[in-house]
C-alpha atoms as a PDB file:
ATOM      1  CA  VAL A   1     -17.170  15.667   2.289  1.00  0.00           C
ATOM      2  CA  PRO A   2     -20.553  14.295   3.267  1.00  0.00           C
ATOM      3  CA  GLN A   3     -22.368  16.239   5.700  1.00  0.00           C
ATOM      4  CA  LEU A   4     -22.225  13.657   8.339  1.00  0.00           C
ATOM      5  CA  CYS A   5     -18.517  13.156   7.856  1.00  0.00           C
ATOM      6  CA  THR A   6     -17.675  16.782   9.362  1.00  0.00           C
ATOM      7  CA  GLY A   7     -15.957  17.432  12.394  1.00  0.00           C
ATOM      8  CA  LEU A   8     -12.362  18.287  13.886  1.00  0.00           C
ATOM      9  CA  THR A   9      -9.524  19.136  11.542  1.00  0.00           C
ATOM     10  CA  MET A  10      -6.309  16.819  11.795  1.00  0.00           C
ATOM     11  CA  ASN A  11      -3.059  17.850  13.639  1.00  0.00           C
ATOM     12  CA  GLN A  12      -0.838  17.710  10.434  1.00  0.00           C
ATOM     13  CA  THR A  13       2.157  17.446  12.318  1.00  0.00           C
ATOM     14  CA  HIS A  14       4.203  13.610  12.124  1.00  0.00           C
ATOM     15  CA  ASN A  15       2.832  11.384  14.892  1.00  0.00           C
ATOM     16  CA  PRO A  16       6.313   9.567  16.060  1.00  0.00           C
ATOM     17  CA  LYS A  17       3.570   6.932  17.733  1.00  0.00           C
ATOM     18  CA  LEU A  18       2.478   5.802  14.681  1.00  0.00           C
ATOM     19  CA  THR A  19       6.094   4.420  13.573  1.00  0.00           C
ATOM     20  CA  GLY A  20       5.669   0.991  15.428  1.00  0.00           C
ATOM     21  CA  ASN A  21       2.440   0.734  14.076  1.00  0.00           C
ATOM     22  CA  ALA A  22       3.741   1.335  10.337  1.00  0.00           C
ATOM     23  CA  LYS A  23       6.045  -1.415  10.803  1.00  0.00           C
ATOM     24  CA  ARG A  24       3.382  -4.291  12.019  1.00  0.00           C
ATOM     25  CA  VAL A  25       0.931  -3.086   9.174  1.00  0.00           C
ATOM     26  CA  ARG A  26       3.753  -2.995   6.880  1.00  0.00           C
ATOM     27  CA  ARG A  27       4.492  -6.711   7.981  1.00  0.00           C
ATOM     28  CA  GLU A  28       0.819  -7.626   8.111  1.00  0.00           C
ATOM     29  CA  MET A  29      -0.299  -6.599   4.230  1.00  0.00           C
ATOM     30  CA  THR A  30      -3.158  -7.642   2.865  1.00  0.00           C
ATOM     31  CA  LYS A  31      -3.265 -10.314  -0.049  1.00  0.00           C
ATOM     32  CA  GLN A  32      -4.254  -7.112  -2.398  1.00  0.00           C
ATOM     33  CA  GLU A  33      -1.320  -4.743  -1.158  1.00  0.00           C
ATOM     34  CA  ARG A  34       1.184  -7.616  -1.367  1.00  0.00           C
ATOM     35  CA  HIS A  35      -0.185  -8.156  -4.722  1.00  0.00           C
ATOM     36  CA  LEU A  36       0.082  -4.864  -5.978  1.00  0.00           C
ATOM     37  CA  TRP A  37       3.479  -4.340  -3.909  1.00  0.00           C
ATOM     38  CA  TYR A  38       5.337  -7.131  -4.943  1.00  0.00           C
ATOM     39  CA  ASP A  39       4.049  -7.527  -8.809  1.00  0.00           C
ATOM     40  CA  PHE A  40       4.096  -3.835  -9.451  1.00  0.00           C
ATOM     41  CA  LEU A  41       4.919  -1.125  -7.498  1.00  0.00           C
ATOM     42  CA  ARG A  42       8.308  -2.469  -5.939  1.00  0.00           C
ATOM     43  CA  GLY A  43       9.571  -2.393  -9.447  1.00  0.00           C
ATOM     44  CA  LEU A  44       8.954   0.960 -10.454  1.00  0.00           C
ATOM     45  CA  PRO A  45      11.866   3.206 -11.013  1.00  0.00           C
ATOM     46  CA  ILE A  46      10.821   5.818  -8.434  1.00  0.00           C
ATOM     47  CA  MET A  47      10.696   5.016  -4.885  1.00  0.00           C
ATOM     48  CA  VAL A  48       7.333   4.016  -3.231  1.00  0.00           C
ATOM     49  CA  HIS A  49       7.192   3.797   0.388  1.00  0.00           C
ATOM     50  CA  ARG A  50       5.060   1.185   1.724  1.00  0.00           C
ATOM     51  CA  GLN A  51       2.699   2.051   5.111  1.00  0.00           C
ATOM     52  CA  LYS A  52       3.954   5.590   5.647  1.00  0.00           C
ATOM     53  CA  VAL A  53       3.433   7.751   8.190  1.00  0.00           C
ATOM     54  CA  ILE A  54       2.151  11.031   7.231  1.00  0.00           C
ATOM     55  CA  GLY A  55       0.536  13.723   9.676  1.00  0.00           C
ATOM     56  CA  GLN A  56      -1.693  11.505  11.411  1.00  0.00           C
ATOM     57  CA  TYR A  57      -2.432   9.041   9.248  1.00  0.00           C
ATOM     58  CA  ILE A  58      -0.595   5.525   8.162  1.00  0.00           C
ATOM     59  CA  VAL A  59      -1.294   5.114   4.376  1.00  0.00           C
ATOM     60  CA  ASP A  60      -0.869   2.439   2.222  1.00  0.00           C
ATOM     61  CA  PHE A  61       1.695   3.328  -0.428  1.00  0.00           C
ATOM     62  CA  TYR A  62       3.385   6.991  -0.750  1.00  0.00           C
ATOM     63  CA  VAL A  63       5.188   8.431  -3.713  1.00  0.00           C
ATOM     64  CA  ALA A  64       6.934  11.254  -2.640  1.00  0.00           C
ATOM     65  CA  SER A  65       8.216  12.413  -6.124  1.00  0.00           C
ATOM     66  CA  ALA A  66       4.438  12.628  -7.323  1.00  0.00           C
ATOM     67  CA  LYS A  67       3.205  13.442  -4.179  1.00  0.00           C
ATOM     68  CA  THR A  68       0.982  10.886  -4.386  1.00  0.00           C
ATOM     69  CA  VAL A  69      -0.999   7.891  -1.897  1.00  0.00           C
ATOM     70  CA  ILE A  70      -2.408   5.061  -3.135  1.00  0.00           C
ATOM     71  CA  GLU A  71      -4.741   3.033  -0.932  1.00  0.00           C
ATOM     72  CA  ILE A  72      -6.415  -0.228  -1.472  1.00  0.00           C
ATOM     73  CA  ASP A  73      -9.667  -0.523   0.176  1.00  0.00           C
ATOM     74  CA  GLY A  74     -11.561  -3.348   1.694  1.00  0.00           C
ATOM     75  CA  SER A  75     -15.147  -3.629   2.386  1.00  0.00           C
ATOM     76  CA  GLN A  76     -15.065  -1.602   5.705  1.00  0.00           C
ATOM     77  CA  HIS A  77     -13.870   1.726   3.457  1.00  0.00           C
ATOM     78  CA  TYR A  78     -17.577   1.412   1.768  1.00  0.00           C
ATOM     79  CA  GLU A  79     -19.807   1.338   5.024  1.00  0.00           C
ATOM     80  CA  GLU A  80     -20.485   5.043   6.576  1.00  0.00           C
ATOM     81  CA  PRO A  81     -18.210   4.989   9.338  1.00  0.00           C
ATOM     82  CA  GLY A  82     -15.367   4.253   6.621  1.00  0.00           C
ATOM     83  CA  ILE A  83     -16.470   6.958   4.123  1.00  0.00           C
ATOM     84  CA  CYS A  84     -16.568   9.013   7.031  1.00  0.00           C
ATOM     85  CA  ALA A  85     -13.117   8.395   8.185  1.00  0.00           C
ATOM     86  CA  ASP A  86     -11.792   8.216   4.605  1.00  0.00           C
ATOM     87  CA  SER A  87     -13.416  11.725   3.328  1.00  0.00           C
ATOM     88  CA  LYS A  88     -11.843  13.405   6.410  1.00  0.00           C
ATOM     89  CA  ARG A  89      -8.276  11.441   5.655  1.00  0.00           C
ATOM     90  CA  ASP A  90      -8.700  12.480   1.930  1.00  0.00           C
ATOM     91  CA  ALA A  91      -9.449  16.213   2.953  1.00  0.00           C
ATOM     92  CA  ALA A  92      -6.301  16.304   4.885  1.00  0.00           C
ATOM     93  CA  LEU A  93      -3.787  14.705   2.382  1.00  0.00           C
ATOM     94  CA  GLU A  94      -5.142  16.851  -0.034  1.00  0.00           C
ATOM     95  CA  ALA A  95      -4.680  20.319   2.175  1.00  0.00           C
ATOM     96  CA  MET A  96      -0.973  18.902   2.599  1.00  0.00           C
ATOM     97  CA  GLY A  97      -0.950  18.876  -1.486  1.00  0.00           C
ATOM     98  CA  ILE A  98      -1.046  15.335  -1.686  1.00  0.00           C
ATOM     99  CA  THR A  99      -3.171  13.281  -4.168  1.00  0.00           C
ATOM    100  CA  VAL A 100      -5.159   9.895  -3.306  1.00  0.00           C
ATOM    101  CA  LEU A 101      -5.819   7.369  -5.260  1.00  0.00           C
ATOM    102  CA  ARG A 102      -7.886   4.854  -4.297  1.00  0.00           C
ATOM    103  CA  TYR A 103      -8.831   1.497  -5.710  1.00  0.00           C
ATOM    104  CA  SER A 104     -10.826  -1.744  -3.954  1.00  0.00           C
ATOM    105  CA  ASN A 105      -9.796  -4.843  -3.040  1.00  0.00           C
ATOM    106  CA  ALA A 106     -11.991  -6.119  -6.152  1.00  0.00           C
ATOM    107  CA  ASP A 107     -10.144  -4.118  -8.270  1.00  0.00           C
ATOM    108  CA  ILE A 108      -7.092  -5.463  -7.602  1.00  0.00           C
ATOM    109  CA  ASP A 109      -8.292  -9.022  -7.816  1.00  0.00           C
ATOM    110  CA  ARG A 110     -10.338  -8.444 -11.272  1.00  0.00           C
ATOM    111  CA  ARG A 111      -8.631  -5.623 -13.079  1.00  0.00           C
ATOM    112  CA  PHE A 112      -4.567  -5.644 -11.863  1.00  0.00           C
ATOM    113  CA  ALA A 113      -3.400  -4.661 -15.262  1.00  0.00           C
ATOM    114  CA  ALA A 114      -5.901  -1.848 -15.534  1.00  0.00           C
ATOM    115  CA  VAL A 115      -5.172  -0.719 -12.138  1.00  0.00           C
ATOM    116  CA  CYS A 116      -1.643  -0.716 -12.475  1.00  0.00           C
ATOM    117  CA  GLU A 117      -2.018   0.972 -16.118  1.00  0.00           C
ATOM    118  CA  ASP A 118      -4.248   4.116 -14.033  1.00  0.00           C
ATOM    119  CA  ILE A 119      -1.753   4.271 -11.442  1.00  0.00           C
ATOM    120  CA  TRP A 120       1.489   4.495 -13.816  1.00  0.00           C
ATOM    121  CA  ASN A 121      -0.090   7.294 -15.475  1.00  0.00           C
ATOM    122  CA  LYS A 122      -0.858   9.298 -12.687  1.00  0.00           C
ATOM    123  CA  LEU A 123       1.933   8.883 -11.178  1.00  0.00           C
ATOM    124  CA  GLN A 124       3.754  10.257 -14.919  1.00  0.00           C
ATOM    125  CA  LEU A 125       1.229  13.031 -14.565  1.00  0.00           C
ATOM    126  CA  SER A 126       1.796  13.829 -10.997  1.00  0.00           C
ATOM    127  CA  ALA A 127       5.896  13.623 -10.982  1.00  0.00           C
ATOM    128  CA  LYS A 128       8.025  16.433 -10.792  1.00  0.00           C
ATOM    129  CA  PRO A 129      10.271  17.419 -13.963  1.00  0.00           C
ATOM    130  CA  SER A 130      13.592  16.620 -13.414  1.00  0.00           C
ATOM    131  CA  PRO A 131      15.620  19.797 -13.023  1.00  0.00           C
END
């Protein structure tokens, strides 16, 4: 976590007030989120949740069986406030045992097949073995 990004710790309990926001952003996914969802994640043989509330955050995609979050980042994530917020958020999610995978909008637009392959490979490594 960059030094400028240190601060208060996150309350890790679920925030039910975020549920309405999650439903709204699910309806208003970005072009890149829609592309990843409709052209890859939706068809996977594992459950993937869109715009899932975890703790005090709404994550883009969540794969519970692999304890993995997939985030698609626009340009605001590469400016200082976004970098700090993402660092805190990633640390909080990782403290819950959740792996965070981040891809930029440009990755989705220019390297879609490579992003899908990377996600699939990481999900395979993270997934719990069947009993």
